């Protein structure tokens, strides 16, 4: 995996990170496509970008160079020095889960909601294209679940997004067939 940065609209690139082979391995050798299923199989990489903090329009490119290896999954990319978040007791939606995950296109979305209002569930592919969208009026606060059957979905990673009012929660879902 290579991470490149450009201050010049992609005309010139500077390599800021390089990791290959055993430095990327998080599981046992596989002969079938590998899909991470537990939080313990992820590695953390911190890449300092202090020379770019005063630049505007910085581009970051992540390159996966393979030599017959398996899939490379990248998750939780954070930019900036400040860690921001929302106090969990202020959330209108919490306990958002998707199961089974991975799945074959049929799954359940569960969540707790604290207010009665419109709730939207959108599912997008990694290019941001909406493959599923549903809006409903939630009649009662508490625990809710939706069974969704999207057998037409191709293998891949999708974003499941729940939105109510100004609150948005996003989780990744993996479809394997």
N, C-alpha and C. Protein backbone atom coordinates (compact mmCIF):
# COMPACT_ATOMS: atom_id res chain seq x y z
N UNK A 1 0.86 -1.17 0.00
CA UNK A 1 0.00 0.00 0.00
C UNK A 1 0.90 1.23 0.00
N UNK A 2 0.57 2.14 -0.86
CA UNK A 2 1.32 3.39 -0.97
C UNK A 2 0.35 4.55 -0.77
N UNK A 3 0.76 5.55 0.00
CA UNK A 3 -0.03 6.77 0.15
C UNK A 3 0.80 7.91 -0.42
N UNK A 4 0.17 8.63 -1.35
CA UNK A 4 0.81 9.75 -2.03
C UNK A 4 0.03 11.03 -1.75
N UNK A 5 0.73 12.17 -1.73
CA UNK A 5 0.09 13.45 -1.47
C UNK A 5 0.54 14.44 -2.54
N UNK A 6 -0.40 15.27 -2.99
CA UNK A 6 -0.09 16.30 -3.97
C UNK A 6 -0.66 17.65 -3.51
N UNK A 7 0.16 18.68 -3.62
CA UNK A 7 -0.28 20.06 -3.38
C UNK A 7 -0.61 20.75 -4.69
N UNK A 8 -0.35 20.09 -5.80
CA UNK A 8 -0.42 20.73 -7.11
C UNK A 8 -1.43 20.05 -8.02
N UNK A 9 -2.64 19.80 -7.53
CA UNK A 9 -3.73 19.24 -8.33
C UNK A 9 -3.36 17.94 -9.02
N UNK A 10 -2.48 17.16 -8.44
CA UNK A 10 -2.12 15.87 -9.00
C UNK A 10 -1.03 15.92 -10.05
N UNK A 11 -0.43 17.10 -10.28
CA UNK A 11 0.67 17.18 -11.25
C UNK A 11 1.90 16.48 -10.69
N UNK A 12 2.22 16.74 -9.43
CA UNK A 12 3.35 16.09 -8.75
C UNK A 12 2.83 15.37 -7.51
N UNK A 13 3.39 14.20 -7.22
CA UNK A 13 2.99 13.42 -6.06
C UNK A 13 4.21 13.12 -5.20
N UNK A 14 4.02 13.16 -3.88
CA UNK A 14 5.07 12.81 -2.94
C UNK A 14 4.62 11.59 -2.15
N UNK A 15 5.46 10.58 -2.09
CA UNK A 15 5.12 9.37 -1.33
C UNK A 15 5.35 9.66 0.15
N UNK A 16 4.30 9.43 0.97
CA UNK A 16 4.41 9.68 2.41
C UNK A 16 4.27 8.39 3.22
N UNK A 17 3.93 7.28 2.56
CA UNK A 17 3.74 6.02 3.28
C UNK A 17 3.91 4.87 2.30
N UNK A 18 4.60 3.81 2.77
CA UNK A 18 4.78 2.61 1.95
C UNK A 18 4.81 1.40 2.88
N UNK A 19 3.94 0.44 2.61
CA UNK A 19 3.92 -0.79 3.41
C UNK A 19 3.57 -1.93 2.48
N UNK A 20 4.27 -3.06 2.62
CA UNK A 20 4.07 -4.18 1.71
C UNK A 20 4.27 -5.51 2.44
N UNK A 21 3.87 -6.58 1.79
CA UNK A 21 4.13 -7.94 2.28
C UNK A 21 3.65 -8.19 3.69
N UNK A 22 4.55 -8.73 4.51
CA UNK A 22 4.19 -9.10 5.88
C UNK A 22 3.83 -7.90 6.74
N UNK A 23 4.23 -6.70 6.33
CA UNK A 23 3.85 -5.50 7.08
C UNK A 23 2.38 -5.15 6.92
N UNK A 24 1.69 -5.78 5.96
CA UNK A 24 0.26 -5.57 5.77
C UNK A 24 -0.58 -6.72 6.29
N UNK A 25 0.01 -7.86 6.53
CA UNK A 25 -0.73 -9.07 6.88
C UNK A 25 -1.41 -8.92 8.24
N UNK A 26 -2.70 -9.30 8.28
CA UNK A 26 -3.43 -9.28 9.55
C UNK A 26 -4.10 -10.62 9.83
N UNK A 27 -3.98 -11.56 8.92
CA UNK A 27 -4.62 -12.87 9.11
C UNK A 27 -3.76 -13.97 8.51
N UNK A 28 -4.29 -15.17 8.54
CA UNK A 28 -3.58 -16.31 7.99
C UNK A 28 -3.65 -16.29 6.47
N UNK A 29 -2.76 -17.03 5.83
CA UNK A 29 -2.75 -17.13 4.38
C UNK A 29 -4.05 -17.75 3.90
N UNK A 30 -4.65 -17.14 2.87
CA UNK A 30 -5.95 -17.56 2.34
C UNK A 30 -5.81 -17.94 0.88
N UNK A 31 -6.64 -18.86 0.43
CA UNK A 31 -6.69 -19.19 -1.01
C UNK A 31 -7.98 -18.67 -1.64
N UNK A 32 -8.84 -18.10 -0.84
CA UNK A 32 -10.08 -17.49 -1.33
C UNK A 32 -10.06 -16.02 -0.93
N UNK A 33 -10.90 -15.19 -1.55
CA UNK A 33 -10.90 -13.77 -1.18
C UNK A 33 -11.14 -13.57 0.31
N UNK A 34 -10.29 -12.77 0.92
CA UNK A 34 -10.34 -12.52 2.35
C UNK A 34 -11.25 -11.33 2.64
N UNK A 35 -12.11 -11.47 3.63
CA UNK A 35 -12.98 -10.38 4.08
C UNK A 35 -12.82 -10.27 5.59
N UNK A 36 -12.41 -9.11 6.10
CA UNK A 36 -12.24 -8.96 7.55
C UNK A 36 -13.59 -9.06 8.26
N UNK A 37 -13.63 -9.87 9.31
CA UNK A 37 -14.88 -10.07 10.03
C UNK A 37 -14.79 -9.70 11.50
N UNK A 38 -13.63 -9.27 11.96
CA UNK A 38 -13.48 -8.92 13.37
C UNK A 38 -12.61 -7.68 13.49
N UNK A 39 -12.80 -6.91 14.55
CA UNK A 39 -12.03 -5.70 14.74
C UNK A 39 -10.56 -5.99 15.03
N UNK A 40 -10.23 -7.22 15.44
CA UNK A 40 -8.86 -7.57 15.78
C UNK A 40 -7.97 -7.79 14.56
N UNK A 41 -8.53 -7.83 13.35
CA UNK A 41 -7.72 -8.11 12.16
C UNK A 41 -7.32 -6.83 11.42
N UNK A 42 -7.54 -5.67 12.02
CA UNK A 42 -7.16 -4.41 11.39
C UNK A 42 -5.84 -3.93 11.95
N UNK A 43 -5.04 -3.28 11.12
CA UNK A 43 -3.81 -2.63 11.58
C UNK A 43 -4.03 -1.12 11.54
N UNK A 44 -3.32 -0.42 12.41
CA UNK A 44 -3.41 1.03 12.46
C UNK A 44 -2.14 1.62 11.86
N UNK A 45 -2.30 2.62 11.04
CA UNK A 45 -1.16 3.34 10.48
C UNK A 45 -1.41 4.82 10.67
N UNK A 46 -0.49 5.50 11.30
CA UNK A 46 -0.57 6.94 11.47
C UNK A 46 0.43 7.58 10.53
N UNK A 47 -0.06 8.47 9.69
CA UNK A 47 0.78 9.12 8.70
C UNK A 47 0.76 10.61 8.98
N UNK A 48 1.90 11.15 9.35
CA UNK A 48 1.99 12.57 9.64
C UNK A 48 2.03 13.39 8.36
N UNK A 49 1.24 14.44 8.32
CA UNK A 49 1.19 15.32 7.15
C UNK A 49 1.39 16.79 7.55
N UNK A 50 2.34 17.09 8.46
CA UNK A 50 2.48 18.47 8.93
C UNK A 50 2.88 19.46 7.84
N UNK A 51 3.60 19.03 6.82
CA UNK A 51 4.01 19.95 5.77
C UNK A 51 2.85 20.39 4.89
N UNK A 52 1.71 19.73 5.02
CA UNK A 52 0.56 20.05 4.16
C UNK A 52 -0.54 20.81 4.89
N UNK A 53 -0.37 21.09 6.17
CA UNK A 53 -1.44 21.72 6.95
C UNK A 53 -1.75 23.15 6.51
N UNK A 54 -0.79 23.83 5.92
CA UNK A 54 -1.04 25.20 5.47
C UNK A 54 -1.40 25.28 3.99
N UNK A 55 -1.43 24.13 3.33
CA UNK A 55 -1.75 24.10 1.91
C UNK A 55 -3.24 23.92 1.72
N UNK A 56 -3.77 24.51 0.66
CA UNK A 56 -5.17 24.28 0.32
C UNK A 56 -5.23 23.32 -0.87
N UNK A 57 -6.34 22.64 -1.01
CA UNK A 57 -6.56 21.71 -2.12
C UNK A 57 -5.54 20.59 -2.19
N UNK A 58 -5.24 19.98 -1.06
CA UNK A 58 -4.32 18.85 -1.01
C UNK A 58 -5.07 17.59 -1.45
N UNK A 59 -4.45 16.81 -2.32
CA UNK A 59 -5.01 15.54 -2.77
C UNK A 59 -4.25 14.40 -2.10
N UNK A 60 -4.97 13.38 -1.67
CA UNK A 60 -4.35 12.19 -1.09
C UNK A 60 -4.79 11.00 -1.92
N UNK A 61 -3.82 10.19 -2.32
CA UNK A 61 -4.09 9.02 -3.15
C UNK A 61 -3.58 7.78 -2.43
N UNK A 62 -4.45 6.76 -2.31
CA UNK A 62 -4.08 5.48 -1.72
C UNK A 62 -3.99 4.47 -2.86
N UNK A 63 -2.83 3.84 -3.01
CA UNK A 63 -2.58 2.92 -4.11
C UNK A 63 -2.34 1.53 -3.55
N UNK A 64 -3.05 0.56 -4.10
CA UNK A 64 -2.84 -0.84 -3.73
C UNK A 64 -2.10 -1.51 -4.89
N UNK A 65 -0.86 -1.88 -4.66
CA UNK A 65 -0.06 -2.57 -5.67
C UNK A 65 0.00 -4.04 -5.27
N UNK A 66 -0.57 -4.90 -6.11
CA UNK A 66 -0.61 -6.32 -5.74
C UNK A 66 0.29 -7.14 -6.62
N UNK A 67 0.66 -8.27 -6.10
CA UNK A 67 1.43 -9.25 -6.86
C UNK A 67 0.75 -10.59 -6.65
N UNK A 68 -0.55 -10.64 -7.01
CA UNK A 68 -1.31 -11.86 -6.81
C UNK A 68 -1.78 -12.02 -5.38
N UNK A 69 -1.75 -10.96 -4.59
CA UNK A 69 -2.19 -11.04 -3.20
C UNK A 69 -3.69 -10.96 -3.08
N UNK A 70 -4.17 -10.77 -1.87
CA UNK A 70 -5.59 -10.74 -1.61
C UNK A 70 -6.10 -9.32 -1.58
N UNK A 71 -7.34 -9.14 -1.16
CA UNK A 71 -7.98 -7.83 -1.09
C UNK A 71 -7.30 -6.96 -0.03
N UNK A 72 -7.31 -5.66 -0.26
CA UNK A 72 -6.81 -4.70 0.71
C UNK A 72 -7.99 -3.83 1.14
N UNK A 73 -8.27 -3.79 2.44
CA UNK A 73 -9.37 -3.00 2.97
C UNK A 73 -8.79 -1.83 3.75
N UNK A 74 -9.31 -0.63 3.48
CA UNK A 74 -8.88 0.58 4.18
C UNK A 74 -10.12 1.14 4.87
N UNK A 75 -9.99 1.51 6.15
CA UNK A 75 -11.13 1.95 6.93
C UNK A 75 -10.71 3.06 7.88
N UNK A 76 -11.65 3.86 8.29
CA UNK A 76 -11.45 4.90 9.32
C UNK A 76 -10.30 5.83 8.99
N UNK A 77 -10.40 6.52 7.88
CA UNK A 77 -9.40 7.51 7.52
C UNK A 77 -9.77 8.81 8.21
N UNK A 78 -8.86 9.32 9.00
CA UNK A 78 -9.09 10.56 9.74
C UNK A 78 -8.06 11.58 9.33
N UNK A 79 -8.50 12.78 9.00
CA UNK A 79 -7.60 13.86 8.63
C UNK A 79 -7.78 15.00 9.61
N UNK A 80 -6.67 15.60 10.02
CA UNK A 80 -6.74 16.73 10.94
C UNK A 80 -6.24 16.35 12.31
N UNK A 81 -5.88 17.36 13.07
CA UNK A 81 -5.31 17.14 14.39
C UNK A 81 -6.36 17.00 15.47
N UNK A 82 -7.57 17.50 15.23
CA UNK A 82 -8.60 17.47 16.26
C UNK A 82 -9.49 16.26 16.10
N UNK A 83 -9.75 15.58 17.19
CA UNK A 83 -10.70 14.48 17.19
C UNK A 83 -12.04 15.05 17.60
N UNK A 84 -13.02 14.87 16.73
CA UNK A 84 -14.34 15.43 17.02
C UNK A 84 -15.32 14.29 17.19
N UNK A 85 -16.43 14.56 17.80
CA UNK A 85 -17.44 13.54 17.98
C UNK A 85 -18.67 14.11 18.65
N UNK A 86 -19.61 13.24 18.92
CA UNK A 86 -20.85 13.63 19.55
C UNK A 86 -21.00 12.80 20.81
N UNK A 87 -21.35 13.45 21.90
CA UNK A 87 -21.60 12.74 23.14
C UNK A 87 -22.76 11.77 22.91
N UNK A 88 -22.58 10.51 23.23
CA UNK A 88 -23.57 9.50 22.87
C UNK A 88 -24.94 9.75 23.47
N UNK A 89 -25.01 10.35 24.64
CA UNK A 89 -26.34 10.58 25.21
C UNK A 89 -27.07 11.73 24.52
N UNK A 90 -26.39 12.44 23.60
CA UNK A 90 -27.05 13.48 22.82
C UNK A 90 -27.61 12.94 21.51
N UNK A 91 -27.29 11.70 21.18
CA UNK A 91 -27.73 11.14 19.91
C UNK A 91 -29.22 10.85 19.90
N UNK A 92 -29.84 11.12 18.77
CA UNK A 92 -31.24 10.78 18.57
C UNK A 92 -31.33 9.30 18.19
N UNK A 93 -30.32 8.79 17.46
CA UNK A 93 -30.27 7.39 17.03
C UNK A 93 -29.05 6.76 17.69
N UNK A 94 -29.20 5.55 18.24
CA UNK A 94 -28.03 4.81 18.71
C UNK A 94 -28.29 3.32 18.58
N UNK A 95 -27.31 2.54 18.98
CA UNK A 95 -27.37 1.08 18.88
C UNK A 95 -27.69 0.63 17.46
N UNK A 96 -27.08 1.28 16.49
CA UNK A 96 -27.27 0.97 15.08
C UNK A 96 -26.42 -0.25 14.73
N UNK A 97 -27.07 -1.30 14.22
CA UNK A 97 -26.35 -2.53 13.87
C UNK A 97 -26.90 -3.11 12.58
N UNK A 98 -26.07 -3.88 11.90
CA UNK A 98 -26.44 -4.60 10.69
C UNK A 98 -26.04 -6.04 10.89
N UNK A 99 -26.97 -6.96 10.68
CA UNK A 99 -26.61 -8.37 10.79
C UNK A 99 -27.45 -9.20 9.84
N UNK A 100 -26.94 -10.30 9.33
CA UNK A 100 -25.52 -10.66 9.43
C UNK A 100 -24.68 -9.72 8.58
N UNK A 101 -23.45 -9.59 8.93
CA UNK A 101 -22.52 -8.76 8.17
C UNK A 101 -21.15 -9.41 8.25
N UNK A 102 -20.67 -9.99 7.18
CA UNK A 102 -21.11 -9.99 5.79
C UNK A 102 -22.40 -10.78 5.58
N UNK A 103 -23.06 -10.52 4.42
CA UNK A 103 -24.30 -11.21 4.07
C UNK A 103 -24.36 -11.40 2.56
N UNK A 104 -25.44 -12.00 2.08
CA UNK A 104 -25.61 -12.26 0.65
C UNK A 104 -26.62 -11.31 0.01
N UNK A 105 -26.92 -10.20 0.67
CA UNK A 105 -27.87 -9.22 0.14
C UNK A 105 -29.16 -9.17 0.96
N UNK A 106 -29.30 -10.07 1.90
CA UNK A 106 -30.46 -10.08 2.79
C UNK A 106 -29.94 -9.88 4.22
N UNK A 107 -30.46 -8.85 4.90
CA UNK A 107 -29.92 -8.50 6.21
C UNK A 107 -30.96 -7.72 7.01
N UNK A 108 -30.65 -7.48 8.27
CA UNK A 108 -31.51 -6.72 9.18
C UNK A 108 -30.75 -5.51 9.68
N UNK A 109 -31.42 -4.36 9.70
CA UNK A 109 -30.88 -3.13 10.26
C UNK A 109 -31.65 -2.87 11.55
N UNK A 110 -30.92 -2.70 12.66
CA UNK A 110 -31.57 -2.39 13.94
C UNK A 110 -31.04 -1.05 14.45
N UNK A 111 -31.89 -0.36 15.21
CA UNK A 111 -31.50 0.92 15.79
C UNK A 111 -32.48 1.28 16.89
N UNK A 112 -32.02 2.12 17.80
CA UNK A 112 -32.88 2.74 18.80
C UNK A 112 -33.03 4.20 18.42
N UNK A 113 -34.25 4.71 18.52
CA UNK A 113 -34.49 6.11 18.20
C UNK A 113 -35.20 6.75 19.40
N UNK A 114 -34.83 7.99 19.68
CA UNK A 114 -35.36 8.68 20.86
C UNK A 114 -36.45 9.68 20.54
N UNK A 115 -36.71 9.93 19.28
CA UNK A 115 -37.74 10.88 18.89
C UNK A 115 -38.63 10.25 17.82
N UNK A 116 -39.85 10.74 17.71
CA UNK A 116 -40.76 10.31 16.65
C UNK A 116 -40.63 11.29 15.50
N UNK A 117 -39.97 10.88 14.44
CA UNK A 117 -39.82 11.74 13.27
C UNK A 117 -39.47 10.90 12.06
N UNK A 118 -39.36 11.57 10.90
CA UNK A 118 -39.00 10.87 9.68
C UNK A 118 -37.60 10.27 9.80
N UNK A 119 -37.47 9.06 9.32
CA UNK A 119 -36.20 8.36 9.35
C UNK A 119 -35.93 7.85 7.94
N UNK A 120 -34.72 8.08 7.43
CA UNK A 120 -34.35 7.61 6.10
C UNK A 120 -33.26 6.57 6.23
N UNK A 121 -33.40 5.49 5.48
CA UNK A 121 -32.34 4.48 5.36
C UNK A 121 -31.91 4.50 3.90
N UNK A 122 -30.65 4.80 3.68
CA UNK A 122 -30.08 4.79 2.34
C UNK A 122 -28.90 3.84 2.32
N UNK A 123 -28.75 3.12 1.23
CA UNK A 123 -27.61 2.24 1.03
C UNK A 123 -26.93 2.69 -0.25
N UNK A 124 -25.62 2.95 -0.14
CA UNK A 124 -24.86 3.40 -1.30
C UNK A 124 -23.69 2.46 -1.56
N UNK A 125 -23.26 2.41 -2.83
CA UNK A 125 -22.04 1.67 -3.13
C UNK A 125 -20.86 2.58 -2.83
N UNK A 126 -19.64 2.10 -3.05
CA UNK A 126 -18.47 2.89 -2.69
C UNK A 126 -18.27 4.11 -3.58
N UNK A 127 -18.99 4.19 -4.70
CA UNK A 127 -18.93 5.37 -5.55
C UNK A 127 -19.99 6.39 -5.16
N UNK A 128 -20.80 6.08 -4.13
CA UNK A 128 -21.82 7.00 -3.66
C UNK A 128 -23.16 6.86 -4.35
N UNK A 129 -23.30 5.88 -5.25
CA UNK A 129 -24.57 5.68 -5.93
C UNK A 129 -25.56 5.01 -4.98
N UNK A 130 -26.77 5.54 -4.91
CA UNK A 130 -27.80 4.99 -4.03
C UNK A 130 -28.36 3.71 -4.67
N UNK A 131 -28.29 2.60 -3.93
CA UNK A 131 -28.84 1.33 -4.42
C UNK A 131 -30.14 0.97 -3.69
N UNK A 132 -30.42 1.70 -2.59
CA UNK A 132 -31.65 1.46 -1.82
C UNK A 132 -31.96 2.73 -1.05
N UNK A 133 -33.23 3.08 -0.99
CA UNK A 133 -33.64 4.26 -0.23
C UNK A 133 -35.05 4.05 0.29
N UNK A 134 -35.25 4.35 1.57
CA UNK A 134 -36.57 4.24 2.17
C UNK A 134 -36.70 5.32 3.24
N UNK A 135 -37.84 6.01 3.23
CA UNK A 135 -38.14 7.02 4.24
C UNK A 135 -39.44 6.62 4.91
N UNK A 136 -39.47 6.69 6.23
CA UNK A 136 -40.69 6.37 6.95
C UNK A 136 -40.83 7.25 8.18
N UNK A 137 -42.04 7.40 8.65
CA UNK A 137 -42.32 8.13 9.88
C UNK A 137 -42.28 7.13 11.03
N UNK A 138 -41.32 7.31 11.93
CA UNK A 138 -41.22 6.44 13.10
C UNK A 138 -42.27 6.89 14.11
N UNK A 139 -43.16 5.98 14.48
CA UNK A 139 -44.30 6.32 15.34
C UNK A 139 -43.99 6.27 16.83
N UNK A 140 -42.91 5.55 17.19
CA UNK A 140 -42.60 5.43 18.62
C UNK A 140 -41.10 5.37 18.84
N UNK A 141 -40.66 5.92 19.96
CA UNK A 141 -39.25 5.82 20.29
C UNK A 141 -38.98 4.41 20.79
N UNK A 142 -37.70 4.03 20.80
CA UNK A 142 -37.31 2.70 21.25
C UNK A 142 -36.61 1.92 20.15
N UNK A 143 -36.60 0.60 20.32
CA UNK A 143 -35.87 -0.28 19.42
C UNK A 143 -36.70 -0.61 18.18
N UNK A 144 -36.07 -0.55 17.02
CA UNK A 144 -36.72 -0.85 15.76
C UNK A 144 -35.81 -1.72 14.91
N UNK A 145 -36.39 -2.47 13.99
CA UNK A 145 -35.57 -3.22 13.04
C UNK A 145 -36.28 -3.27 11.69
N UNK A 146 -35.46 -3.33 10.65
CA UNK A 146 -35.95 -3.40 9.28
C UNK A 146 -35.26 -4.58 8.61
N UNK A 147 -36.02 -5.47 8.02
CA UNK A 147 -35.43 -6.54 7.23
C UNK A 147 -35.36 -6.04 5.79
N UNK A 148 -34.19 -6.15 5.19
CA UNK A 148 -33.97 -5.66 3.84
C UNK A 148 -33.45 -6.81 3.00
N UNK A 149 -34.07 -7.00 1.83
CA UNK A 149 -33.65 -8.06 0.93
C UNK A 149 -33.27 -7.43 -0.40
N UNK A 150 -31.98 -7.36 -0.68
CA UNK A 150 -31.46 -6.77 -1.90
C UNK A 150 -30.58 -7.80 -2.60
N UNK A 151 -31.18 -8.90 -3.03
CA UNK A 151 -30.41 -9.98 -3.63
C UNK A 151 -29.72 -9.58 -4.93
N UNK A 152 -30.11 -8.44 -5.53
CA UNK A 152 -29.49 -7.99 -6.77
C UNK A 152 -28.11 -7.39 -6.53
N UNK A 153 -27.76 -7.11 -5.28
CA UNK A 153 -26.50 -6.44 -4.98
C UNK A 153 -25.32 -7.35 -5.34
N UNK A 154 -24.30 -6.74 -5.94
CA UNK A 154 -23.07 -7.44 -6.29
C UNK A 154 -22.18 -7.56 -5.05
N UNK A 155 -21.22 -8.48 -5.10
CA UNK A 155 -20.23 -8.57 -4.04
C UNK A 155 -19.55 -7.22 -3.87
N UNK A 156 -19.32 -6.83 -2.64
CA UNK A 156 -18.62 -5.56 -2.40
C UNK A 156 -18.96 -4.98 -1.05
N UNK A 157 -18.45 -3.78 -0.84
CA UNK A 157 -18.67 -3.05 0.41
C UNK A 157 -19.66 -1.93 0.13
N UNK A 158 -20.64 -1.79 1.00
CA UNK A 158 -21.69 -0.78 0.86
C UNK A 158 -21.77 0.04 2.14
N UNK A 159 -22.29 1.25 2.04
CA UNK A 159 -22.53 2.10 3.20
C UNK A 159 -24.02 2.08 3.50
N UNK A 160 -24.37 1.78 4.73
CA UNK A 160 -25.76 1.85 5.18
C UNK A 160 -25.85 3.12 6.03
N UNK A 161 -26.71 4.03 5.60
CA UNK A 161 -26.78 5.35 6.22
C UNK A 161 -28.19 5.55 6.78
N UNK A 162 -28.26 5.85 8.08
CA UNK A 162 -29.53 6.18 8.71
C UNK A 162 -29.50 7.67 9.04
N UNK A 163 -30.57 8.37 8.66
CA UNK A 163 -30.63 9.81 8.89
C UNK A 163 -32.00 10.17 9.45
N UNK A 164 -31.99 10.99 10.48
CA UNK A 164 -33.20 11.57 11.02
C UNK A 164 -32.87 12.99 11.45
N UNK A 165 -33.63 13.95 10.96
CA UNK A 165 -33.32 15.35 11.25
C UNK A 165 -31.92 15.67 10.78
N UNK A 166 -31.09 16.19 11.69
CA UNK A 166 -29.71 16.53 11.34
C UNK A 166 -28.73 15.44 11.75
N UNK A 167 -29.20 14.33 12.29
CA UNK A 167 -28.33 13.26 12.75
C UNK A 167 -28.17 12.20 11.67
N UNK A 168 -26.92 11.80 11.41
CA UNK A 168 -26.61 10.81 10.40
C UNK A 168 -25.64 9.80 11.00
N UNK A 169 -25.92 8.52 10.79
CA UNK A 169 -25.02 7.45 11.21
C UNK A 169 -24.76 6.57 10.01
N UNK A 170 -23.52 6.16 9.84
CA UNK A 170 -23.10 5.39 8.69
C UNK A 170 -22.35 4.15 9.15
N UNK A 171 -22.67 2.99 8.57
CA UNK A 171 -21.93 1.76 8.85
C UNK A 171 -21.64 1.06 7.54
N UNK A 172 -20.56 0.32 7.53
CA UNK A 172 -20.20 -0.46 6.35
C UNK A 172 -20.85 -1.83 6.40
N UNK A 173 -21.20 -2.33 5.22
CA UNK A 173 -21.78 -3.67 5.10
C UNK A 173 -21.07 -4.37 3.93
N UNK A 174 -20.78 -5.64 4.10
CA UNK A 174 -20.11 -6.42 3.07
C UNK A 174 -21.07 -7.44 2.52
N UNK A 175 -21.19 -7.48 1.18
CA UNK A 175 -22.02 -8.47 0.50
C UNK A 175 -21.08 -9.46 -0.18
N UNK A 176 -21.27 -10.75 0.13
CA UNK A 176 -20.51 -11.83 -0.53
C UNK A 176 -21.50 -12.89 -0.97
N UNK A 177 -21.33 -13.37 -2.16
CA UNK A 177 -22.23 -14.40 -2.67
C UNK A 177 -21.44 -15.61 -3.13
